[in-house]
Amino acid sequence: MGVGASSVPGNATSEHIDGSLLPVPQLERDKLGLETTVDQSGISLLGTGDNYDNYDNYDNEDDNEDKRPDREFTPPKPRQRHLKYSLGRIIGHGSFGQVYLALEHLTGKLLAVKEMVVKNCSREVLEAIDAETRILINLRHPNIVSIYDIEVSDDGNKLLIVMDFIAGGSLASLSKSFKGIPEILCRRYARQILEAIKHMHRQNVAHLDLKCSNIMIGGDGLVKLVDFGTATRLARDDIINELHRRKEAEADPKKPGLPSEVAKKFNLGIKGSPYWIAPECVRSTLYDIFKADIWSIGCLFIEMFTTYPPFFQFKQVPALLYHIATITEPPGLPETMSDEGRDFLSKCLQINPEARASVDDLLAHPWVAMVNLTFGIHPLVPDKPVVSGHEAHLQQSIDAPPSLATSKADKLLGLFTKTKDTDVTQSTIAKNWFGKSKANLSQSIRNLQASAKIDLNEDELDSLFELALPKEDLSFIVLQHDKILDAGI
């Protein structure tokens, strides 16, 4: 079933399986072999439940105080401070506390601090928080959110988790804001996401809740995976061996099973979010968690490209899960995507997990393998370091050949300022620096004059070169034409 055009449910792309949702009907559960309970850990140090995307919607509480009319002035309450961090405005909310923008005292680095009230938390919740924290601490990777510190309040009631502050928002919010992510950028994001997943899988960790709202994008375009509340550490060889053991047990019921404590770790249940969950996760209590991640990757790229995940037209989670568990054909692929992109998605969305690609297979796919992560927009930088001494700096600038950086910067005007108290004239600088460029551009400007786009005399032309040649851009020359004439040069 393809991505349709019907309206998406209000919270279709962020809804988790939890106790608030209707259970799968007993008849359907019997047919599918579903567990009577679903995974409710959902403990996220920094995930969709924290509304981290919307931190700009929260006003400064001190500003709101002053908007009340006819009240006596009272000094604002001081911000909460800790030994190492100052907590600023609230940037998100979670089930057990709030997320603050924090200022690290030693370096001035901006961080996110989740303050969790754990006084009355159950043992199960504390164990889930501990498990997620340990996984994140050991998964040090540029494309995975980092934990920098863990503190406990003096009274022991609060736990502070210090993490990356990611200013760009989630991939889900970006996709909706721009009505889908361009395919060329999808490929760039894919490379980063897959590099992070490869790092995780090599450490026997599967995320199991991959979707656009759990992928944050920094202001520099760097991808960060977040929300490891359902992440599971389990060796793939152990999973394969247990799957074989269960098949043998079906053939020979008298064969002894595993001890209960050992068997417990293989009873994974349903983990993740409904629209991105793999079919085998609904059908069985044990599955290849790493291949389940691959299915979710395919779903999130459909979501990234179209703004909607597969099967978004299902409004009721039980019906959605039943559909996913019983599908015989993969979800439809975006028709406007390239053939390579559609082939990439098809390798992710194989119904049979054994036929599904691995993360290494996907990284070798042409849709991703050709992506150069070093290519992009960068600040313009000088070609050579600045040397001491005014004359040395001036001569270095004159001798340096124009590059992409220097040709786009108005460096000549900067030299005019530096040399206004010297004997070096502006005209001399221009002719020494851009002698060859002037000769080449001269003919181009003559061509423009012939086409009546600009009309300059020789004096105006010389002045134009002195002002405009640093940009080496004919469009700039045309734009400056009227300004030069108005100035009476």
Protein backbone atom coordinates (compact mmCIF):
# COMPACT_ATOMS: atom_id res chain seq x y z
CA MET A 1 0.00 0.00 0.00
CA GLY A 2 1.52 3.28 -1.08
CA VAL A 3 1.70 6.65 0.55
CA GLY A 4 -1.75 8.08 0.04
CA ALA A 5 -3.15 11.57 0.00
CA SER A 6 -5.68 11.25 2.80
CA SER A 7 -5.31 13.33 5.88
CA VAL A 8 -2.84 12.08 8.42
CA PRO A 9 -4.01 11.44 11.99
CA GLY A 10 -3.29 14.29 14.34
CA ASN A 11 -0.57 12.49 16.21
CA ALA A 12 0.17 9.78 13.69
CA THR A 13 3.85 10.52 13.43
CA SER A 14 4.61 10.78 17.12
CA GLU A 15 2.33 8.32 18.84
CA HIS A 16 3.96 5.53 20.82
CA ILE A 17 2.52 2.21 21.84
CA ASP A 18 1.67 2.67 25.48
CA GLY A 19 -0.95 1.85 28.05
CA SER A 20 -3.24 4.62 26.84
CA LEU A 21 -3.89 2.87 23.54
CA LEU A 22 -6.49 0.20 23.05
CA PRO A 23 -5.08 -3.33 23.25
CA VAL A 24 -5.08 -5.58 20.23
CA PRO A 25 -8.36 -7.54 20.30
CA GLN A 26 -8.02 -11.01 21.78
CA LEU A 27 -9.08 -12.73 18.57
CA GLU A 28 -6.43 -10.89 16.57
CA ARG A 29 -3.87 -11.51 19.30
CA ASP A 30 -4.57 -15.23 19.18
CA LYS A 31 -4.18 -15.24 15.41
CA LEU A 32 -0.94 -13.27 15.52
CA GLY A 33 0.57 -14.79 18.64
CA LEU A 34 0.85 -11.33 20.22
CA GLU A 35 1.87 -10.83 23.82
CA THR A 36 -0.91 -9.60 26.08
CA THR A 37 1.23 -6.60 26.99
CA VAL A 38 3.36 -4.25 24.95
CA ASP A 39 6.65 -2.68 25.91
CA GLN A 40 5.89 0.32 28.09
CA SER A 41 9.37 1.32 29.12
CA GLY A 42 9.30 4.36 26.86
CA ILE A 43 11.78 6.02 29.16
CA SER A 44 13.57 8.60 27.11
CA LEU A 45 16.33 10.85 28.36
CA LEU A 46 15.78 13.09 25.38
CA GLY A 47 13.17 12.07 22.88
CA THR A 48 9.86 12.99 21.36
CA GLY A 49 8.14 12.96 24.73
CA ASP A 50 10.27 15.90 25.76
CA ASN A 51 8.89 18.18 23.02
CA TYR A 52 12.48 19.08 22.38
CA ASP A 53 11.66 20.41 18.92
CA ASN A 54 9.54 23.19 20.31
CA TYR A 55 11.89 24.82 22.76
CA ASP A 56 11.45 28.20 21.03
CA ASN A 57 7.76 28.18 21.97
CA TYR A 58 8.53 28.62 25.63
CA ASP A 59 8.72 32.24 26.67
CA ASN A 60 11.12 33.51 29.27
CA GLU A 61 9.28 33.32 32.55
CA ASP A 62 10.81 36.58 33.72
CA ASP A 63 9.39 38.43 30.70
CA ASN A 64 5.92 37.11 31.42
CA GLU A 65 6.05 38.43 34.96
CA ASP A 66 6.37 42.02 33.75
CA LYS A 67 3.29 41.80 31.50
CA ARG A 68 0.88 41.70 34.43
CA PRO A 69 -0.70 45.16 34.92
CA ASP A 70 -0.84 47.15 38.17
CA ARG A 71 1.44 45.11 40.33
CA GLU A 72 4.36 46.05 42.50
CA PHE A 73 7.80 45.34 41.16
CA THR A 74 9.45 42.24 42.60
CA PRO A 75 12.94 41.12 41.64
CA PRO A 76 12.96 38.06 39.36
CA LYS A 77 13.72 34.77 41.01
CA PRO A 78 17.31 33.70 40.49
CA ARG A 79 17.91 30.89 38.05
CA GLN A 80 18.62 27.53 39.54
CA ARG A 81 22.33 26.95 39.76
CA HIS A 82 24.42 23.86 40.23
CA LEU A 83 28.08 23.36 40.87
CA LYS A 84 29.00 23.08 37.20
CA TYR A 85 25.98 24.42 35.31
CA SER A 86 23.53 27.30 35.25
CA LEU A 87 20.05 26.24 34.14
CA GLY A 88 18.28 28.63 31.79
CA ARG A 89 14.91 28.45 30.07
CA ILE A 90 12.86 25.30 29.68
CA ILE A 91 13.32 23.75 26.25
CA GLY A 92 11.26 20.62 26.72
CA HIS A 93 9.07 18.52 28.98
CA GLY A 94 9.23 14.83 29.77
CA SER A 95 7.31 12.29 31.78
CA PHE A 96 9.57 12.69 34.78
CA GLY A 97 10.80 16.25 34.59
CA GLN A 98 11.87 19.13 32.42
CA VAL A 99 14.70 19.82 29.99
CA TYR A 100 16.65 23.05 30.48
CA LEU A 101 19.08 24.97 28.35
CA ALA A 102 22.24 24.97 30.45
CA LEU A 103 25.46 26.95 30.50
CA GLU A 104 28.60 25.03 31.42
CA HIS A 105 30.68 27.22 33.70
CA LEU A 106 34.16 26.18 32.66
CA THR A 107 33.90 26.48 28.85
CA GLY A 108 30.66 28.37 28.23
CA LYS A 109 29.31 25.44 26.17
CA LEU A 110 25.53 25.32 25.77
CA LEU A 111 24.10 21.98 26.83
CA ALA A 112 20.73 20.38 27.52
CA VAL A 113 20.08 19.23 31.08
CA LYS A 114 17.19 16.95 31.86
CA GLU A 115 16.15 17.27 35.47
CA MET A 116 14.22 14.15 36.44
CA VAL A 117 12.25 13.76 39.65
CA VAL A 118 13.07 10.18 40.66
CA LYS A 119 11.99 10.21 44.31
CA ASN A 120 8.85 8.16 43.71
CA CYS A 121 9.93 6.27 40.59
CA SER A 122 9.45 2.52 40.54
CA ARG A 123 12.38 0.14 40.37
CA GLU A 124 11.43 -0.71 36.78
CA VAL A 125 11.63 2.94 35.74
CA LEU A 126 14.98 3.46 37.46
CA GLU A 127 16.38 0.35 35.79
CA ALA A 128 15.18 1.61 32.40
CA ILE A 129 16.84 4.98 32.96
CA ASP A 130 20.03 3.26 34.06
CA ALA A 131 20.03 0.96 31.00
CA GLU A 132 19.51 3.83 28.55
CA THR A 133 22.18 5.93 30.25
CA ARG A 134 24.73 3.14 30.11
CA ILE A 135 24.03 2.47 26.43
CA LEU A 136 24.45 6.15 25.51
CA ILE A 137 27.64 6.54 27.53
CA ASN A 138 29.20 3.64 25.61
CA LEU A 139 27.96 4.77 22.18
CA ARG A 140 30.33 7.65 21.58
CA HIS A 141 29.78 8.72 17.98
CA PRO A 142 29.44 12.09 16.21
CA ASN A 143 25.93 11.17 15.03
CA ILE A 144 24.61 9.97 18.40
CA VAL A 145 23.58 12.29 21.21
CA SER A 146 26.25 12.38 23.93
CA ILE A 147 25.90 12.31 27.70
CA TYR A 148 28.46 14.55 29.36
CA ASP A 149 27.62 14.23 33.01
CA ILE A 150 25.19 12.75 35.54
CA GLU A 151 24.47 14.47 38.84
CA VAL A 152 22.18 13.76 41.75
CA SER A 153 20.66 16.60 43.77
CA ASP A 154 21.71 17.05 47.39
CA ASP A 155 18.40 15.71 48.68
CA GLY A 156 18.60 12.69 46.34
CA ASN A 157 15.21 13.45 44.78
CA LYS A 158 16.39 14.61 41.36
CA LEU A 159 18.65 13.21 38.71
CA LEU A 160 20.37 15.55 36.24
CA ILE A 161 21.41 14.17 32.84
CA VAL A 162 23.69 16.55 30.92
CA MET A 163 23.56 16.05 27.14
CA ASP A 164 24.13 17.73 23.79
CA PHE A 165 22.04 20.80 23.05
CA ILE A 166 20.86 20.38 19.44
CA ALA A 167 19.49 23.64 18.15
CA GLY A 168 18.14 22.66 14.75
CA GLY A 169 15.08 20.62 15.75
CA SER A 170 13.98 17.16 14.69
CA LEU A 171 13.96 15.74 11.19
CA ALA A 172 10.19 15.36 11.51
CA SER A 173 9.69 19.07 12.15
CA LEU A 174 12.05 19.99 9.30
CA SER A 175 10.26 17.67 6.90
CA LYS A 176 6.90 19.21 7.76
CA SER A 177 8.24 22.76 7.64
CA PHE A 178 9.67 22.30 4.15
CA LYS A 179 6.97 19.88 2.89
CA GLY A 180 9.46 17.06 2.55
CA ILE A 181 13.25 16.93 2.44
CA PRO A 182 14.88 17.17 -1.03
CA GLU A 183 16.27 13.83 -2.13
CA ILE A 184 19.83 15.13 -2.41
CA LEU A 185 19.65 16.06 1.28
CA CYS A 186 17.91 12.78 2.17
CA ARG A 187 20.99 11.02 0.84
CA ARG A 188 23.27 13.12 3.01
CA TYR A 189 21.17 12.44 6.09
CA ALA A 190 21.03 8.75 5.15
CA ARG A 191 24.81 8.49 5.16
CA GLN A 192 25.04 9.96 8.65
CA ILE A 193 22.16 7.92 10.07
CA LEU A 194 23.61 4.70 8.66
CA GLU A 195 27.07 5.49 10.04
CA ALA A 196 25.51 5.86 13.50
CA ILE A 197 23.48 2.64 13.11
CA LYS A 198 26.58 0.77 11.91
CA HIS A 199 28.44 1.90 15.03
CA MET A 200 25.55 0.76 17.23
CA HIS A 201 25.10 -2.62 15.56
CA ARG A 202 28.80 -3.36 15.87
CA GLN A 203 28.35 -2.94 19.61
CA ASN A 204 25.32 -5.27 19.59
CA VAL A 205 22.89 -2.41 20.20
CA ALA A 206 19.70 -1.87 18.20
CA HIS A 207 17.72 1.35 18.50
CA LEU A 208 14.26 -0.14 17.83
CA ASP A 209 12.52 3.24 17.60
CA LEU A 210 13.98 4.86 14.51
CA LYS A 211 11.79 7.61 13.06
CA CYS A 212 12.22 11.22 12.02
CA SER A 213 11.19 12.67 15.38
CA ASN A 214 14.04 10.73 17.01
CA ILE A 215 16.64 12.22 14.70
CA MET A 216 17.81 15.72 15.54
CA ILE A 217 19.54 18.05 13.11
CA GLY A 218 22.07 20.58 14.37
CA GLY A 219 22.37 24.06 12.96
CA ASP A 220 25.31 22.82 10.89
CA GLY A 221 23.31 19.94 9.40
CA LEU A 222 24.88 17.29 11.64
CA VAL A 223 22.56 14.37 12.40
CA LYS A 224 22.14 13.18 15.99
CA LEU A 225 20.17 10.09 16.98
CA VAL A 226 18.22 10.49 20.23
CA ASP A 227 15.66 8.61 22.34
CA PHE A 228 17.27 5.31 23.29
CA GLY A 229 14.47 4.33 25.66
CA THR A 230 13.75 1.13 23.70
CA ALA A 231 17.33 0.43 22.65
CA THR A 232 18.34 -3.18 23.27
CA ARG A 233 21.76 -4.75 23.61
CA LEU A 234 21.81 -8.34 22.41
CA ALA A 235 24.39 -10.25 20.38
CA ARG A 236 23.08 -11.22 16.96
CA ASP A 237 24.63 -14.69 17.20
CA ASP A 238 22.69 -15.28 20.41
CA ILE A 239 19.47 -14.21 18.68
CA ILE A 240 20.07 -16.53 15.71
CA ASN A 241 20.93 -19.45 18.01
CA GLU A 242 17.78 -18.89 20.08
CA LEU A 243 15.61 -18.70 16.96
CA HIS A 244 17.02 -22.06 15.82
CA ARG A 245 16.50 -23.51 19.29
CA ARG A 246 12.85 -22.45 19.24
CA LYS A 247 12.29 -24.08 15.85
CA GLU A 248 13.77 -27.29 17.19
CA ALA A 249 11.57 -27.03 20.29
CA GLU A 250 8.48 -26.78 18.09
CA ALA A 251 9.50 -30.05 16.42
CA ASP A 252 10.37 -31.70 19.73
CA PRO A 253 8.23 -30.31 22.60
CA LYS A 254 10.00 -32.57 25.10
CA LYS A 255 13.32 -30.84 24.53
CA PRO A 256 14.25 -28.83 27.65
CA GLY A 257 13.99 -25.07 27.34
CA LEU A 258 16.24 -22.32 28.60
CA PRO A 259 16.32 -21.29 32.27
CA SER A 260 13.72 -18.60 32.95
CA GLU A 261 16.26 -15.83 33.57
CA VAL A 262 18.04 -16.60 30.29
CA ALA A 263 14.81 -16.94 28.34
CA LYS A 264 13.56 -13.59 29.67
CA LYS A 265 16.12 -11.57 27.72
CA PHE A 266 14.88 -13.10 24.47
CA ASN A 267 11.24 -12.13 25.08
CA LEU A 268 11.48 -8.72 23.46
CA GLY A 269 7.79 -8.02 22.90
CA ILE A 270 6.62 -5.10 20.78
CA LYS A 271 9.04 -2.20 20.93
CA GLY A 272 9.01 1.06 19.08
CA SER A 273 6.37 3.24 17.44
CA PRO A 274 3.52 1.72 15.42
CA TYR A 275 4.00 3.28 11.98
CA TRP A 276 7.70 2.39 11.83
CA ILE A 277 7.61 -1.08 13.39
CA ALA A 278 8.70 -4.15 11.41
CA PRO A 279 6.17 -6.95 10.77
CA GLU A 280 8.17 -9.56 12.69
CA CYS A 281 8.14 -7.33 15.79
CA VAL A 282 4.36 -7.69 15.91
CA ARG A 283 4.25 -11.37 14.98
CA SER A 284 6.76 -12.77 17.46
CA THR A 285 8.32 -12.18 20.85
CA LEU A 286 11.81 -12.80 19.43
CA TYR A 287 13.22 -11.35 16.23
CA ASP A 288 16.43 -10.06 14.72
CA ILE A 289 16.56 -6.62 16.32
CA PHE A 290 19.16 -5.39 13.83
CA LYS A 291 17.02 -6.26 10.81
CA ALA A 292 14.08 -4.60 12.59
CA ASP A 293 16.11 -1.37 12.61
CA ILE A 294 16.60 -1.67 8.85
CA TRP A 295 12.82 -1.81 8.25
CA SER A 296 12.39 1.32 10.38
CA ILE A 297 15.10 3.07 8.35
CA GLY A 298 13.07 2.46 5.19
CA CYS A 299 9.94 3.84 6.87
CA LEU A 300 11.67 6.95 8.17
CA PHE A 301 13.04 7.80 4.71
CA ILE A 302 9.56 7.59 3.26
CA GLU A 303 8.49 9.91 6.08
CA MET A 304 11.46 12.22 5.46
CA PHE A 305 10.74 12.48 1.74
CA THR A 306 6.92 12.74 1.90
CA THR A 307 6.35 13.99 5.52
CA TYR A 308 4.21 10.88 6.21
CA PRO A 309 5.27 7.37 7.29
CA PRO A 310 3.87 4.26 5.60
CA PHE A 311 0.31 3.24 6.53
CA PHE A 312 -0.44 6.67 8.02
CA GLN A 313 -4.04 6.33 6.87
CA PHE A 314 -4.70 3.87 9.72
CA LYS A 315 -6.12 5.88 12.61
CA GLN A 316 -6.49 3.07 15.13
CA VAL A 317 -3.32 1.44 16.42
CA PRO A 318 -4.82 -2.08 16.80
CA ALA A 319 -5.91 -2.02 13.15
CA LEU A 320 -2.51 -0.68 12.14
CA LEU A 321 -0.64 -3.42 14.00
CA TYR A 322 -2.89 -6.09 12.53
CA HIS A 323 -2.25 -4.73 9.04
CA ILE A 324 1.53 -4.63 9.56
CA ALA A 325 1.56 -8.16 10.97
CA THR A 326 -0.39 -9.61 8.05
CA ILE A 327 1.01 -7.69 5.07
CA THR A 328 2.36 -9.72 2.18
CA GLU A 329 3.63 -6.78 0.10
CA PRO A 330 5.99 -4.00 1.22
CA PRO A 331 4.62 -0.46 1.50
CA GLY A 332 4.45 1.64 -1.64
CA LEU A 333 7.44 3.81 -2.51
CA PRO A 334 7.34 7.54 -3.37
CA GLU A 335 6.78 7.86 -7.12
CA THR A 336 8.78 11.10 -7.38
CA MET A 337 11.92 9.55 -5.90
CA SER A 338 14.78 8.50 -8.16
CA ASP A 339 15.20 4.88 -9.25
CA GLU A 340 18.27 4.55 -7.03
CA GLY A 341 16.37 5.94 -4.06
CA ARG A 342 13.45 3.57 -4.60
CA ASP A 343 15.86 0.64 -4.92
CA PHE A 344 17.48 1.66 -1.63
CA LEU A 345 14.09 1.71 0.11
CA SER A 346 13.05 -1.62 -1.39
CA LYS A 347 16.12 -3.26 0.15
CA CYS A 348 15.09 -1.91 3.56
CA LEU A 349 11.43 -2.89 3.31
CA GLN A 350 11.60 -6.60 2.57
CA ILE A 351 8.87 -8.50 4.45
CA ASN A 352 11.25 -11.39 5.14
CA PRO A 353 13.93 -10.12 7.54
CA GLU A 354 16.48 -12.55 6.09
CA ALA A 355 16.07 -10.91 2.68
CA ARG A 356 16.49 -7.44 4.14
CA ALA A 357 19.77 -5.58 3.63
CA SER A 358 22.27 -5.10 6.42
CA VAL A 359 23.58 -1.69 7.40
CA ASP A 360 26.83 -2.46 5.53
CA ASP A 361 24.83 -3.33 2.41
CA LEU A 362 23.01 0.00 2.62
CA LEU A 363 26.21 2.00 3.09
CA ALA A 364 27.57 0.36 -0.06
CA HIS A 365 24.42 1.21 -2.04
CA PRO A 366 25.05 3.83 -4.79
CA TRP A 367 22.31 6.09 -3.37
CA VAL A 368 24.45 6.53 -0.24
CA ALA A 369 27.99 5.48 -1.14
CA MET A 370 28.52 8.45 -3.48
CA VAL A 371 27.65 11.02 -0.82
CA ASN A 372 30.60 13.18 0.19
CA LEU A 373 30.04 14.42 3.73
CA THR A 374 32.95 16.86 3.48
CA PHE A 375 31.25 18.77 0.69
CA GLY A 376 29.04 21.65 1.72
CA ILE A 377 28.84 25.32 2.48
CA HIS A 378 31.73 26.62 4.54
CA PRO A 379 32.84 30.03 5.80
CA LEU A 380 35.18 31.89 3.48
CA VAL A 381 38.71 31.75 4.86
CA PRO A 382 41.95 33.43 3.79
CA ASP A 383 44.35 31.38 1.67
CA LYS A 384 47.39 32.22 3.77
CA PRO A 385 47.82 33.10 7.45
CA VAL A 386 48.16 36.79 8.22
CA VAL A 387 51.80 37.73 8.83
CA SER A 388 52.94 40.45 11.17
CA GLY A 389 53.75 43.86 9.73
CA HIS A 390 51.59 46.13 7.64
CA GLU A 391 53.67 46.00 4.45
CA ALA A 392 54.16 42.22 4.64
CA HIS A 393 50.41 41.74 4.99
CA LEU A 394 49.75 44.09 2.10
CA GLN A 395 52.25 42.43 -0.24
CA GLN A 396 51.02 38.96 0.73
CA SER A 397 47.48 39.95 -0.21
CA ILE A 398 48.63 41.39 -3.55
CA ASP A 399 50.73 38.34 -4.45
CA ALA A 400 48.16 35.72 -3.42
CA PRO A 401 46.28 34.30 -6.40
CA PRO A 402 42.51 34.75 -6.14
CA SER A 403 40.76 31.57 -4.94
CA LEU A 404 37.12 30.68 -4.32
CA ALA A 405 37.36 32.39 -0.95
CA THR A 406 39.23 35.55 -1.93
CA SER A 407 37.34 36.05 -5.18
CA LYS A 408 34.01 36.11 -3.38
CA ALA A 409 35.12 38.45 -0.60
CA ASP A 410 35.40 42.18 -1.07
CA LYS A 411 39.04 41.99 -0.08
CA LEU A 412 40.14 44.95 -2.16
CA LEU A 413 37.95 47.36 -0.24
CA GLY A 414 39.51 46.05 2.96
CA LEU A 415 42.95 46.82 1.53
CA PHE A 416 41.81 50.32 0.64
CA THR A 417 41.16 50.94 4.33
CA LYS A 418 44.49 49.44 5.37
CA THR A 419 46.49 51.53 2.86
CA LYS A 420 44.83 54.92 3.15
CA ASP A 421 47.80 56.28 5.10
CA THR A 422 50.46 54.79 2.82
CA ASP A 423 51.94 55.85 -0.53
CA VAL A 424 50.43 52.84 -2.27
CA THR A 425 47.52 54.04 -4.36
CA GLN A 426 44.25 52.20 -4.75
CA SER A 427 44.73 52.03 -8.49
CA THR A 428 48.17 50.41 -8.13
CA ILE A 429 46.78 47.74 -5.82
CA ALA A 430 44.00 46.95 -8.23
CA LYS A 431 46.27 46.68 -11.26
CA ASN A 432 48.95 44.60 -9.46
CA TRP A 433 46.44 42.25 -7.90
CA PHE A 434 44.11 41.70 -10.81
CA GLY A 435 46.20 42.41 -13.88
CA LYS A 436 45.28 39.24 -15.71
CA SER A 437 41.74 39.20 -14.36
CA LYS A 438 41.18 42.72 -15.62
CA ALA A 439 42.33 41.77 -19.10
CA ASN A 440 40.00 38.77 -19.18
CA LEU A 441 37.03 40.61 -17.73
CA SER A 442 37.55 43.62 -19.96
CA GLN A 443 36.42 41.71 -23.04
CA SER A 444 33.44 40.29 -21.17
CA ILE A 445 32.37 43.78 -20.16
CA ARG A 446 32.81 45.00 -23.73
CA ASN A 447 30.44 42.23 -24.74
CA LEU A 448 27.95 43.42 -22.16
CA GLN A 449 28.30 46.97 -23.46
CA ALA A 450 27.62 45.75 -26.98
CA SER A 451 24.40 44.14 -25.80
CA ALA A 452 23.39 47.47 -24.18
CA LYS A 453 23.34 46.01 -20.67
CA ILE A 454 25.90 48.52 -19.41
CA ASP A 455 27.39 51.72 -20.86
CA LEU A 456 30.66 52.95 -19.35
CA ASN A 457 33.40 55.29 -20.49
CA GLU A 458 37.06 54.49 -19.88
CA ASP A 459 37.29 56.38 -16.58
CA GLU A 460 34.16 54.69 -15.27
CA LEU A 461 35.49 51.34 -16.42
CA ASP A 462 38.75 51.82 -14.49
CA SER A 463 36.84 52.81 -11.36
CA LEU A 464 34.58 49.84 -11.80
CA PHE A 465 37.51 47.45 -11.90
CA GLU A 466 39.00 48.96 -8.75
CA LEU A 467 35.71 48.52 -6.89
CA ALA A 468 34.30 45.35 -8.37
CA LEU A 469 37.11 43.09 -9.52
CA PRO A 470 37.62 41.41 -6.09
CA LYS A 471 34.28 39.69 -6.66
CA GLU A 472 35.15 38.62 -10.22
CA ASP A 473 31.43 38.55 -10.84
CA LEU A 474 29.83 40.16 -13.88
CA SER A 475 26.44 40.24 -12.18
CA PHE A 476 27.99 42.40 -9.46
CA ILE A 477 29.38 44.75 -12.12
CA VAL A 478 25.96 45.15 -13.72
CA LEU A 479 24.35 45.84 -10.35
CA GLN A 480 26.98 48.45 -9.51
CA HIS A 481 26.59 50.29 -12.82
CA ASP A 482 23.96 52.78 -11.65
CA LYS A 483 25.76 53.37 -8.35
CA ILE A 484 28.98 54.29 -10.16
CA LEU A 485 27.18 56.73 -12.46
CA ASP A 486 25.23 58.28 -9.55
CA ALA A 487 28.48 58.81 -7.63
CA GLY A 488 29.83 60.82 -10.53
CA ILE A 489 33.02 58.79 -10.73
